[in-house]
Structures are given as structure tokens and as C-alpha cells.
Amino acid sequence: MEKNSQEQLEVSAERTRISRRTFVVSAAGVCGAAALWSLHRHSPGTVEASGSNVSAGPVTIVQFSPDGKKIGKVTVPRTIKSEEEWKQQLSPVSFEVTRHAGTERAYTGNTWNLHDRGLYRCICCDTAVFSSDTKFESGTGWPSFWQPIAAENIVEIHDQAFGMDRTAVSCRDCNAHLGHVFNDGPPPTGLRYCMNSAAMRFVKFA
């Protein structure tokens, strides 16, 4: 009887240890999943639909005329809208790309193979972001440029989301995600601004 009681105590203790170990592993898994979810939602490349991850203060950008001539710098109120307002303004693909840092499928955009001369303006706020003068054929299926039309009109943020080391590019005025920049472009900059057609509106030079 004494031996059976001792065995029962040992079994009970082992069950307790297993239960505690299971709890710790489960808790660690939950914490890990929560951390990954947080990384996905708040990674540098992720754009909040409400614009809440940027200051509401004014921004200074460079304006351009319809024929692509530089007019000068202006300070304007930052463009901030609610998620619902952006949904009403944008197509589903443009909304996903610009407000949630999505990426359109290669060779599906309407400007990757466009050779007309003109300005590429942010689809959300109409800020000029790129010019056809710096566009080149990258063979990637996305419109590519070797420099923006004005450094003041974009923001570049180091992006390590999803295990990739990239630099995200967004519009300075409305914080719309435009694409990414890579160090494998042509002279004179050696950069490749790989943009989403869905994030930009093309306007021919007047």
C-alpha cells in the first residue's frame, strides 16, 4: 500500500511537471505569434490607413507644372483621411497597395511598359513623385526609375518586414506606400525605385 501511494505521488508530480511545461510552451507560442502579428502590423513598410503613424503637422514638398517644370517648394497641410474615405476614393488594388503596403502582381500595372513622357503623381494626394525622364526598363514588370522627381516629395524607410531587408518608399504628403528602392539600378544613381502602378497616376506633359 505504501509503495502504491509513493507511485501515485510520483505520477501526480510528473503530471504537474508536464502540465507546467505545456503551459510554458503554449504561452511562449502565443507570445511569439503576437509578436509576429505586431511586426506585420507595425513594420516600417506598413502604412496605417488613417495616417496615425505620422504627425498631423504640415509638410514641405516641391510642386511641378503640367509640363514637368519645377515651380518651387510649398508647405501644405498633410493629407490625412480615414480608412473609409480612402476606400471610397481608391480602387481595391490601389487601396491595398497605398494604405496597407501591398504589392501589385508583376506585369499587371498600367504603366510598367509605358513610354510616354509625363509626370507620375501619387494616386492618393496628387503629389508629383516621379518623372518619365528617369524611367528605365528594369525587366521586373513594375515601373522603375533611377531617382524620384524631388527628394522632398518622398520618404524612404528601412523595412525588414517578413524577413526581407529593403527600403520602403512612401509619399511625404499622404504617407501612401509607393514601392521599394534597391541598389541595382543604372547610372547615374545606381538605384532602382521599383514602384507600383496602382500607387501612381500618370499625367502626360502638357
C-alpha atoms as a PDB file:
ATOM      1  CA  MET A   1       0.000   0.000   0.000  1.00  0.00           C
ATOM      2  CA  GLU A   2       2.846   2.341   0.923  1.00  0.00           C
ATOM      3  CA  LYS A   3       4.563   1.518  -2.389  1.00  0.00           C
ATOM      4  CA  ASN A   4       1.368   2.266  -4.361  1.00  0.00           C
ATOM      5  CA  SER A   5       0.936   5.612  -2.561  1.00  0.00           C
ATOM      6  CA  GLN A   6       4.517   6.543  -3.412  1.00  0.00           C
ATOM      7  CA  GLU A   7       3.969   5.638  -7.076  1.00  0.00           C
ATOM      8  CA  GLN A   8       0.779   7.677  -7.163  1.00  0.00           C
ATOM      9  CA  LEU A   9       2.629  10.692  -5.735  1.00  0.00           C
ATOM     10  CA  GLU A  10       5.375  10.328  -8.364  1.00  0.00           C
ATOM     11  CA  VAL A  11       2.799  10.068 -11.177  1.00  0.00           C
ATOM     12  CA  SER A  12       0.986  13.120  -9.834  1.00  0.00           C
ATOM     13  CA  ALA A  13       4.232  15.108  -9.646  1.00  0.00           C
ATOM     14  CA  GLU A  14       5.154  14.096 -13.204  1.00  0.00           C
ATOM     15  CA  ARG A  15       1.729  15.171 -14.462  1.00  0.00           C
ATOM     16  CA  THR A  16       2.165  18.526 -12.733  1.00  0.00           C
ATOM     17  CA  ARG A  17       5.592  18.994 -14.378  1.00  0.00           C
ATOM     18  CA  ILE A  18       4.163  18.102 -17.801  1.00  0.00           C
ATOM     19  CA  SER A  19       1.228  20.448 -17.286  1.00  0.00           C
ATOM     20  CA  ARG A  20       3.532  23.304 -16.306  1.00  0.00           C
ATOM     21  CA  ARG A  21       5.846  22.612 -19.238  1.00  0.00           C
ATOM     22  CA  THR A  22       2.856  22.527 -21.632  1.00  0.00           C
ATOM     23  CA  PHE A  23       1.638  25.844 -20.229  1.00  0.00           C
ATOM     24  CA  VAL A  24       5.037  27.484 -20.654  1.00  0.00           C
ATOM     25  CA  VAL A  25       5.409  26.231 -24.242  1.00  0.00           C
ATOM     26  CA  SER A  26       1.863  27.292 -25.103  1.00  0.00           C
ATOM     27  CA  ALA A  27       2.369  30.708 -23.556  1.00  0.00           C
ATOM     28  CA  ALA A  28       5.613  31.153 -25.466  1.00  0.00           C
ATOM     29  CA  GLY A  29       3.846  30.214 -28.693  1.00  0.00           C
ATOM     30  CA  VAL A  30       1.083  32.724 -28.055  1.00  0.00           C
ATOM     31  CA  CYS A  31       3.613  35.458 -27.259  1.00  0.00           C
ATOM     32  CA  GLY A  32       5.598  34.613 -30.373  1.00  0.00           C
ATOM     33  CA  ALA A  33       2.509  34.738 -32.543  1.00  0.00           C
ATOM     34  CA  ALA A  34       1.532  38.057 -31.002  1.00  0.00           C
ATOM     35  CA  ALA A  35       4.998  39.438 -31.680  1.00  0.00           C
ATOM     36  CA  LEU A  36       4.867  38.337 -35.321  1.00  0.00           C
ATOM     37  CA  TRP A  37       1.415  39.854 -35.711  1.00  0.00           C
ATOM     38  CA  SER A  38       2.688  43.105 -34.221  1.00  0.00           C
ATOM     39  CA  LEU A  39       5.682  43.093 -36.592  1.00  0.00           C
ATOM     40  CA  HIS A  40       3.358  42.639 -39.563  1.00  0.00           C
ATOM     41  CA  ARG A  41       1.007  45.397 -38.492  1.00  0.00           C
ATOM     42  CA  HIS A  42       3.616  47.928 -37.443  1.00  0.00           C
ATOM     43  CA  SER A  43       6.637  47.147 -39.583  1.00  0.00           C
ATOM     44  CA  PRO A  44       8.278  50.192 -41.222  1.00  0.00           C
ATOM     45  CA  GLY A  45       6.796  49.216 -44.574  1.00  0.00           C
ATOM     46  CA  THR A  46       3.238  49.075 -43.269  1.00  0.00           C
ATOM     47  CA  VAL A  47       1.124  52.166 -43.825  1.00  0.00           C
ATOM     48  CA  GLU A  48      -1.735  52.832 -41.440  1.00  0.00           C
ATOM     49  CA  ALA A  49      -4.958  53.600 -43.291  1.00  0.00           C
ATOM     50  CA  SER A  50      -5.766  56.519 -41.004  1.00  0.00           C
ATOM     51  CA  GLY A  51      -2.302  58.036 -41.257  1.00  0.00           C
ATOM     52  CA  SER A  52      -1.993  57.728 -37.463  1.00  0.00           C
ATOM     53  CA  ASN A  53       1.650  56.671 -37.677  1.00  0.00           C
ATOM     54  CA  VAL A  54       2.709  60.107 -38.963  1.00  0.00           C
ATOM     55  CA  SER A  55       2.427  63.568 -37.483  1.00  0.00           C
ATOM     56  CA  ALA A  56      -0.559  65.659 -38.489  1.00  0.00           C
ATOM     57  CA  GLY A  57       1.598  68.741 -38.996  1.00  0.00           C
ATOM     58  CA  PRO A  58       2.325  70.459 -42.328  1.00  0.00           C
ATOM     59  CA  VAL A  59       4.796  69.075 -44.865  1.00  0.00           C
ATOM     60  CA  THR A  60       7.099  70.773 -47.352  1.00  0.00           C
ATOM     61  CA  ILE A  61       7.071  69.388 -50.882  1.00  0.00           C
ATOM     62  CA  VAL A  62       8.199  70.549 -54.330  1.00  0.00           C
ATOM     63  CA  GLN A  63       5.489  71.453 -56.833  1.00  0.00           C
ATOM     64  CA  PHE A  64       5.761  70.892 -60.589  1.00  0.00           C
ATOM     65  CA  SER A  65       3.925  72.442 -63.533  1.00  0.00           C
ATOM     66  CA  PRO A  66       1.952  70.297 -66.035  1.00  0.00           C
ATOM     67  CA  ASP A  67       4.976  70.333 -68.363  1.00  0.00           C
ATOM     68  CA  GLY A  68       7.248  68.964 -65.645  1.00  0.00           C
ATOM     69  CA  LYS A  69       8.977  72.224 -64.727  1.00  0.00           C
ATOM     70  CA  LYS A  70       9.916  72.758 -61.091  1.00  0.00           C
ATOM     71  CA  ILE A  71       7.806  75.535 -59.559  1.00  0.00           C
ATOM     72  CA  GLY A  72       9.267  75.562 -56.064  1.00  0.00           C
ATOM     73  CA  LYS A  73       8.775  74.393 -52.515  1.00  0.00           C
ATOM     74  CA  VAL A  74       5.474  74.836 -50.714  1.00  0.00           C
ATOM     75  CA  THR A  75       4.357  73.979 -47.203  1.00  0.00           C
ATOM     76  CA  VAL A  76       0.915  72.376 -47.111  1.00  0.00           C
ATOM     77  CA  PRO A  77      -1.266  70.594 -44.523  1.00  0.00           C
ATOM     78  CA  ARG A  78      -0.606  66.853 -44.535  1.00  0.00           C
ATOM     79  CA  THR A  79      -3.311  64.852 -46.296  1.00  0.00           C
ATOM     80  CA  ILE A  80      -4.932  62.544 -43.734  1.00  0.00           C
ATOM     81  CA  LYS A  81      -8.146  60.609 -44.299  1.00  0.00           C
ATOM     82  CA  SER A  82      -9.987  57.795 -42.584  1.00  0.00           C
ATOM     83  CA  GLU A  83      -9.862  54.217 -43.833  1.00  0.00           C
ATOM     84  CA  GLU A  84     -13.403  54.542 -45.129  1.00  0.00           C
ATOM     85  CA  GLU A  85     -12.593  57.748 -47.019  1.00  0.00           C
ATOM     86  CA  TRP A  86      -9.577  56.117 -48.694  1.00  0.00           C
ATOM     87  CA  LYS A  87     -11.721  53.108 -49.664  1.00  0.00           C
ATOM     88  CA  GLN A  88     -14.251  55.388 -51.332  1.00  0.00           C
ATOM     89  CA  GLN A  89     -11.541  57.276 -53.229  1.00  0.00           C
ATOM     90  CA  LEU A  90      -9.325  54.393 -54.368  1.00  0.00           C
ATOM     91  CA  SER A  91      -9.740  51.183 -56.345  1.00  0.00           C
ATOM     92  CA  PRO A  92      -9.330  47.997 -54.249  1.00  0.00           C
ATOM     93  CA  VAL A  93      -5.793  47.359 -55.528  1.00  0.00           C
ATOM     94  CA  SER A  94      -4.721  50.995 -55.053  1.00  0.00           C
ATOM     95  CA  PHE A  95      -6.159  50.963 -51.538  1.00  0.00           C
ATOM     96  CA  GLU A  96      -4.319  47.777 -50.605  1.00  0.00           C
ATOM     97  CA  VAL A  97      -1.025  48.999 -52.076  1.00  0.00           C
ATOM     98  CA  THR A  98      -1.013  52.570 -50.784  1.00  0.00           C
ATOM     99  CA  ARG A  99      -2.730  52.252 -47.421  1.00  0.00           C
ATOM    100  CA  HIS A 100      -1.533  48.754 -46.398  1.00  0.00           C
ATOM    101  CA  ALA A 101       1.840  48.452 -48.153  1.00  0.00           C
ATOM    102  CA  GLY A 102       0.642  45.820 -50.581  1.00  0.00           C
ATOM    103  CA  THR A 103       2.319  44.951 -53.897  1.00  0.00           C
ATOM    104  CA  GLU A 104       0.561  44.545 -57.220  1.00  0.00           C
ATOM    105  CA  ARG A 105       1.426  41.478 -59.289  1.00  0.00           C
ATOM    106  CA  ALA A 106       4.264  41.996 -61.788  1.00  0.00           C
ATOM    107  CA  TYR A 107       3.231  42.928 -65.340  1.00  0.00           C
ATOM    108  CA  THR A 108      -0.330  43.799 -64.255  1.00  0.00           C
ATOM    109  CA  GLY A 109       0.006  47.556 -63.746  1.00  0.00           C
ATOM    110  CA  ASN A 110      -0.876  50.063 -66.462  1.00  0.00           C
ATOM    111  CA  THR A 111       2.464  51.920 -66.517  1.00  0.00           C
ATOM    112  CA  TRP A 112       5.207  49.291 -66.246  1.00  0.00           C
ATOM    113  CA  ASN A 113       5.591  49.299 -70.051  1.00  0.00           C
ATOM    114  CA  LEU A 114       4.532  52.900 -70.647  1.00  0.00           C
ATOM    115  CA  HIS A 115       6.935  55.016 -72.714  1.00  0.00           C
ATOM    116  CA  ASP A 116       5.039  58.318 -72.879  1.00  0.00           C
ATOM    117  CA  ARG A 117       6.618  61.429 -71.368  1.00  0.00           C
ATOM    118  CA  GLY A 118       4.935  62.826 -68.314  1.00  0.00           C
ATOM    119  CA  LEU A 119       4.631  63.002 -64.547  1.00  0.00           C
ATOM    120  CA  TYR A 120       3.812  60.205 -62.143  1.00  0.00           C
ATOM    121  CA  ARG A 121       1.698  61.603 -59.311  1.00  0.00           C
ATOM    122  CA  CYS A 122       0.646  59.953 -56.065  1.00  0.00           C
ATOM    123  CA  ILE A 123      -2.763  58.348 -56.623  1.00  0.00           C
ATOM    124  CA  CYS A 124      -3.897  59.497 -53.168  1.00  0.00           C
ATOM    125  CA  CYS A 125      -2.920  63.182 -52.986  1.00  0.00           C
ATOM    126  CA  ASP A 126      -1.593  64.062 -56.481  1.00  0.00           C
ATOM    127  CA  THR A 127       1.909  64.951 -55.285  1.00  0.00           C
ATOM    128  CA  ALA A 128       4.449  64.582 -58.119  1.00  0.00           C
ATOM    129  CA  VAL A 129       6.721  61.666 -57.200  1.00  0.00           C
ATOM    130  CA  PHE A 130       8.464  60.532 -60.411  1.00  0.00           C
ATOM    131  CA  SER A 131       9.097  61.690 -63.962  1.00  0.00           C
ATOM    132  CA  SER A 132       9.309  59.742 -67.210  1.00  0.00           C
ATOM    133  CA  ASP A 133      12.732  61.369 -67.661  1.00  0.00           C
ATOM    134  CA  THR A 134      14.219  58.946 -65.105  1.00  0.00           C
ATOM    135  CA  LYS A 135      12.162  55.870 -66.020  1.00  0.00           C
ATOM    136  CA  PHE A 136      14.002  52.826 -67.397  1.00  0.00           C
ATOM    137  CA  GLU A 137      13.269  49.264 -68.467  1.00  0.00           C
ATOM    138  CA  SER A 138      14.131  47.064 -65.487  1.00  0.00           C
ATOM    139  CA  GLY A 139      12.599  43.837 -66.791  1.00  0.00           C
ATOM    140  CA  THR A 140      10.824  43.335 -63.465  1.00  0.00           C
ATOM    141  CA  GLY A 141       7.238  44.036 -64.515  1.00  0.00           C
ATOM    142  CA  TRP A 142       6.970  47.164 -62.354  1.00  0.00           C
ATOM    143  CA  PRO A 143       7.586  50.792 -63.385  1.00  0.00           C
ATOM    144  CA  SER A 144      11.165  51.587 -62.382  1.00  0.00           C
ATOM    145  CA  PHE A 145      13.039  54.868 -62.013  1.00  0.00           C
ATOM    146  CA  TRP A 146      16.635  55.758 -61.154  1.00  0.00           C
ATOM    147  CA  GLN A 147      15.598  58.697 -58.970  1.00  0.00           C
ATOM    148  CA  PRO A 148      12.449  60.473 -57.696  1.00  0.00           C
ATOM    149  CA  ILE A 149      11.407  63.785 -59.192  1.00  0.00           C
ATOM    150  CA  ALA A 150      12.280  65.505 -55.895  1.00  0.00           C
ATOM    151  CA  ALA A 151      13.781  64.017 -52.759  1.00  0.00           C
ATOM    152  CA  GLU A 152      11.469  66.251 -50.702  1.00  0.00           C
ATOM    153  CA  ASN A 153       8.368  64.550 -52.114  1.00  0.00           C
ATOM    154  CA  ILE A 154       9.092  61.054 -50.847  1.00  0.00           C
ATOM    155  CA  VAL A 155      10.135  59.325 -47.632  1.00  0.00           C
ATOM    156  CA  GLU A 156      12.451  56.318 -47.501  1.00  0.00           C
ATOM    157  CA  ILE A 157      12.225  53.965 -44.515  1.00  0.00           C
ATOM    158  CA  HIS A 158      14.319  50.883 -43.763  1.00  0.00           C
ATOM    159  CA  ASP A 159      11.952  47.907 -43.952  1.00  0.00           C
ATOM    160  CA  GLN A 160      12.817  44.459 -42.505  1.00  0.00           C
ATOM    161  CA  ALA A 161       9.284  43.062 -42.601  1.00  0.00           C
ATOM    162  CA  PHE A 162       8.771  39.377 -43.491  1.00  0.00           C
ATOM    163  CA  GLY A 163      12.495  38.571 -43.242  1.00  0.00           C
ATOM    164  CA  MET A 164      13.476  40.872 -46.119  1.00  0.00           C
ATOM    165  CA  ASP A 165      15.910  43.787 -45.911  1.00  0.00           C
ATOM    166  CA  ARG A 166      14.505  46.570 -48.078  1.00  0.00           C
ATOM    167  CA  THR A 167      13.888  50.318 -48.172  1.00  0.00           C
ATOM    168  CA  ALA A 168      10.231  51.286 -48.458  1.00  0.00           C
ATOM    169  CA  VAL A 169       9.261  54.431 -50.361  1.00  0.00           C
ATOM    170  CA  SER A 170       6.184  56.482 -49.479  1.00  0.00           C
ATOM    171  CA  CYS A 171       4.640  59.828 -50.383  1.00  0.00           C
ATOM    172  CA  ARG A 172       5.671  62.582 -47.996  1.00  0.00           C
ATOM    173  CA  ASP A 173       2.296  64.318 -48.111  1.00  0.00           C
ATOM    174  CA  CYS A 174      -0.205  61.494 -47.516  1.00  0.00           C
ATOM    175  CA  ASN A 175       2.105  58.635 -46.419  1.00  0.00           C
ATOM    176  CA  ALA A 176       0.918  56.407 -49.273  1.00  0.00           C
ATOM    177  CA  HIS A 177       3.149  53.384 -49.840  1.00  0.00           C
ATOM    178  CA  LEU A 178       4.603  53.589 -53.358  1.00  0.00           C
ATOM    179  CA  GLY A 179       7.107  50.724 -53.545  1.00  0.00           C
ATOM    180  CA  HIS A 180      10.749  49.984 -52.654  1.00  0.00           C
ATOM    181  CA  VAL A 181      14.186  51.181 -53.717  1.00  0.00           C
ATOM    182  CA  PHE A 182      17.104  48.830 -54.458  1.00  0.00           C
ATOM    183  CA  ASN A 183      20.811  49.260 -55.185  1.00  0.00           C
ATOM    184  CA  ASP A 184      20.805  47.543 -58.585  1.00  0.00           C
ATOM    185  CA  GLY A 185      19.763  50.362 -60.887  1.00  0.00           C
ATOM    186  CA  PRO A 186      21.536  52.068 -63.799  1.00  0.00           C
ATOM    187  CA  PRO A 187      23.816  55.145 -63.762  1.00  0.00           C
ATOM    188  CA  PRO A 188      23.956  57.853 -62.709  1.00  0.00           C
ATOM    189  CA  THR A 189      22.482  56.853 -59.313  1.00  0.00           C
ATOM    190  CA  GLY A 190      22.784  53.052 -59.394  1.00  0.00           C
ATOM    191  CA  LEU A 191      19.329  52.911 -57.782  1.00  0.00           C
ATOM    192  CA  ARG A 192      16.117  51.193 -58.856  1.00  0.00           C
ATOM    193  CA  TYR A 193      12.955  52.737 -57.492  1.00  0.00           C
ATOM    194  CA  CYS A 194      10.583  49.821 -58.074  1.00  0.00           C
ATOM    195  CA  MET A 195       7.111  51.357 -57.836  1.00  0.00           C
ATOM    196  CA  ASN A 196       3.541  50.121 -58.066  1.00  0.00           C
ATOM    197  CA  SER A 197       1.467  51.392 -60.993  1.00  0.00           C
ATOM    198  CA  ALA A 198      -1.558  51.280 -58.679  1.00  0.00           C
ATOM    199  CA  ALA A 199       0.089  53.839 -56.395  1.00  0.00           C
ATOM    200  CA  MET A 200       0.557  56.468 -59.094  1.00  0.00           C
ATOM    201  CA  ARG A 201      -1.445  58.439 -61.647  1.00  0.00           C
ATOM    202  CA  PHE A 202       0.326  59.171 -64.925  1.00  0.00           C
ATOM    203  CA  VAL A 203      -0.203  62.590 -66.498  1.00  0.00           C
ATOM    204  CA  LYS A 204       1.290  63.409 -69.899  1.00  0.00           C
ATOM    205  CA  PHE A 205       3.412  66.528 -70.157  1.00  0.00           C
ATOM    206  CA  ALA A 206       1.308  69.446 -71.369  1.00  0.00           C
END
